[in-house]
Amino acid sequence: MEGDATGAAGRWGEAVRLLDADLRRRGSAERTRRAYGTDCGQFAAWCSAAGVEPAGVTTRILRRYAAVVSERGGTPATLARKLAALRALFGVLREHGVLAANPGDLIAAPKRSRTLPRVLSVT
């Protein structure tokens, strides 16, 4: 399994570099590129530990990862950002022929909690 994880890690590294190159080409801000790189790197580490390569990611695996993020205290906003980064990553991999479809397309972003607006009181 260790050999599988090492090979998977290398393929994940290449996938994240492809995403960064695509974000640069599109003129994305440095902070966006860094955040997406961090989010995708965390997912890649999680997948590599299980021996899952980029081409082997399914919607089910993404849902499992989303559950782990939530269980570890990730807010809906954090999860939404991570899923956006992963959708972008898998979109690039689809464009490069690594994946036939984007597994992130079937996962909806979590609903963010909405707070009521503050009102002025008459005293």
Protein backbone atom coordinates (compact mmCIF):
# COMPACT_ATOMS: atom_id res chain seq x y z
CA MET A 1 0.00 0.00 0.00
CA GLU A 2 2.89 2.37 0.70
CA GLY A 3 4.08 2.13 -2.89
CA ASP A 4 0.58 2.91 -4.06
CA ALA A 5 0.40 5.94 -1.79
CA THR A 6 3.76 7.24 -3.03
CA GLY A 7 2.73 6.86 -6.67
CA ALA A 8 -0.63 8.48 -5.97
CA ALA A 9 1.09 11.40 -4.24
CA GLY A 10 3.20 12.07 -7.33
CA ARG A 11 0.17 12.04 -9.61
CA TRP A 12 -1.67 14.36 -7.21
CA GLY A 13 1.28 16.75 -7.27
CA GLU A 14 1.11 16.85 -11.05
CA ALA A 15 -2.66 17.41 -10.94
CA VAL A 16 -2.32 20.35 -8.54
CA ARG A 17 0.40 21.87 -10.78
CA LEU A 18 -1.98 21.59 -13.77
CA LEU A 19 -4.64 23.43 -11.78
CA ASP A 20 -2.21 26.18 -10.79
CA ALA A 21 -1.12 26.62 -14.42
CA ASP A 22 -4.77 26.86 -15.48
CA LEU A 23 -5.55 29.42 -12.77
CA ARG A 24 -2.52 31.48 -13.83
CA ARG A 25 -3.65 31.35 -17.46
CA ARG A 26 -7.10 32.60 -16.43
CA GLY A 27 -5.58 35.45 -14.44
CA SER A 28 -6.73 34.28 -11.01
CA ALA A 29 -5.49 36.22 -8.02
CA GLU A 30 -2.49 34.94 -6.06
CA ARG A 31 -4.65 34.41 -2.95
CA THR A 32 -7.14 32.33 -4.94
CA ARG A 33 -4.37 30.20 -6.41
CA ARG A 34 -2.82 29.70 -2.97
CA ALA A 35 -6.17 28.83 -1.33
CA TYR A 36 -7.11 26.40 -4.11
CA GLY A 37 -3.65 24.84 -3.94
CA THR A 38 -3.93 24.37 -0.18
CA ASP A 39 -7.44 22.93 -0.38
CA CYS A 40 -6.54 20.57 -3.22
CA GLY A 41 -3.31 19.60 -1.47
CA GLN A 42 -5.24 18.61 1.66
CA PHE A 43 -7.62 16.50 -0.41
CA ALA A 44 -4.68 14.98 -2.28
CA ALA A 45 -2.99 14.00 1.00
CA TRP A 46 -6.22 12.45 2.24
CA CYS A 47 -6.61 10.48 -1.01
CA SER A 48 -2.93 9.50 -1.18
CA ALA A 49 -3.11 8.02 2.31
CA ALA A 50 -5.84 5.73 0.98
CA GLY A 51 -3.97 5.02 -2.26
CA VAL A 52 -6.56 6.86 -4.39
CA GLU A 53 -5.18 8.49 -7.53
CA PRO A 54 -6.74 11.48 -9.30
CA ALA A 55 -8.28 9.26 -11.98
CA GLY A 56 -9.94 7.13 -9.29
CA VAL A 57 -11.90 9.88 -7.55
CA THR A 58 -15.65 9.41 -7.59
CA THR A 59 -18.57 11.45 -6.32
CA ARG A 60 -18.81 9.00 -3.42
CA ILE A 61 -15.20 9.71 -2.40
CA LEU A 62 -15.87 13.46 -2.55
CA ARG A 63 -18.94 13.05 -0.34
CA ARG A 64 -16.88 11.05 2.15
CA TYR A 65 -14.24 13.80 2.21
CA ALA A 66 -16.92 16.46 2.71
CA ALA A 67 -18.23 14.47 5.68
CA VAL A 68 -14.71 14.29 7.17
CA VAL A 69 -14.26 18.07 6.78
CA SER A 70 -17.60 18.66 8.50
CA GLU A 71 -16.83 16.20 11.30
CA ARG A 72 -13.56 18.02 11.95
CA GLY A 73 -15.45 21.27 12.49
CA GLY A 74 -15.34 22.77 9.00
CA THR A 75 -17.98 25.44 8.52
CA PRO A 76 -20.34 25.43 5.54
CA ALA A 77 -18.32 28.32 4.05
CA THR A 78 -15.08 26.34 4.40
CA LEU A 79 -16.62 23.26 2.84
CA ALA A 80 -18.08 25.32 -0.02
CA ARG A 81 -14.63 26.79 -0.76
CA LYS A 82 -12.97 23.37 -0.66
CA LEU A 83 -15.58 21.92 -3.00
CA ALA A 84 -15.16 24.85 -5.40
CA ALA A 85 -11.41 24.21 -5.48
CA LEU A 86 -11.95 20.51 -6.11
CA ARG A 87 -14.48 21.19 -8.88
CA ALA A 88 -11.88 23.41 -10.54
CA LEU A 89 -9.21 20.72 -10.15
CA PHE A 90 -11.39 18.00 -11.63
CA GLY A 91 -12.49 20.33 -14.42
CA VAL A 92 -8.84 20.76 -15.42
CA LEU A 93 -8.25 17.01 -15.19
CA ARG A 94 -11.28 16.42 -17.42
CA GLU A 95 -9.93 18.92 -19.95
CA HIS A 96 -6.61 17.03 -19.96
CA GLY A 97 -8.33 13.67 -20.48
CA VAL A 98 -7.51 12.25 -17.04
CA LEU A 99 -11.21 12.03 -16.14
CA ALA A 100 -14.24 11.42 -18.34
CA ALA A 101 -16.46 13.55 -16.09
CA ASN A 102 -16.07 15.94 -13.17
CA PRO A 103 -17.13 14.08 -9.98
CA GLY A 104 -17.64 17.41 -8.23
CA ASP A 105 -20.44 18.43 -10.58
CA LEU A 106 -22.89 16.18 -8.74
CA ILE A 107 -22.22 17.64 -5.28
CA ALA A 108 -24.13 20.72 -4.24
CA ALA A 109 -22.43 23.34 -2.11
CA PRO A 110 -23.63 23.31 1.49
CA LYS A 111 -26.20 25.87 2.47
CA ARG A 112 -24.75 28.74 4.43
CA SER A 113 -26.53 29.86 7.54
CA ARG A 114 -28.28 33.16 7.08
CA THR A 115 -28.63 35.65 9.86
CA LEU A 116 -31.34 38.22 10.16
CA PRO A 117 -30.26 41.81 9.54
CA ARG A 118 -29.70 44.05 12.53
CA VAL A 119 -32.43 46.59 13.03
CA LEU A 120 -32.43 49.92 14.74
CA SER A 121 -34.56 50.21 17.82
CA VAL A 122 -36.58 53.24 18.75
CA THR A 123 -35.95 54.31 22.33
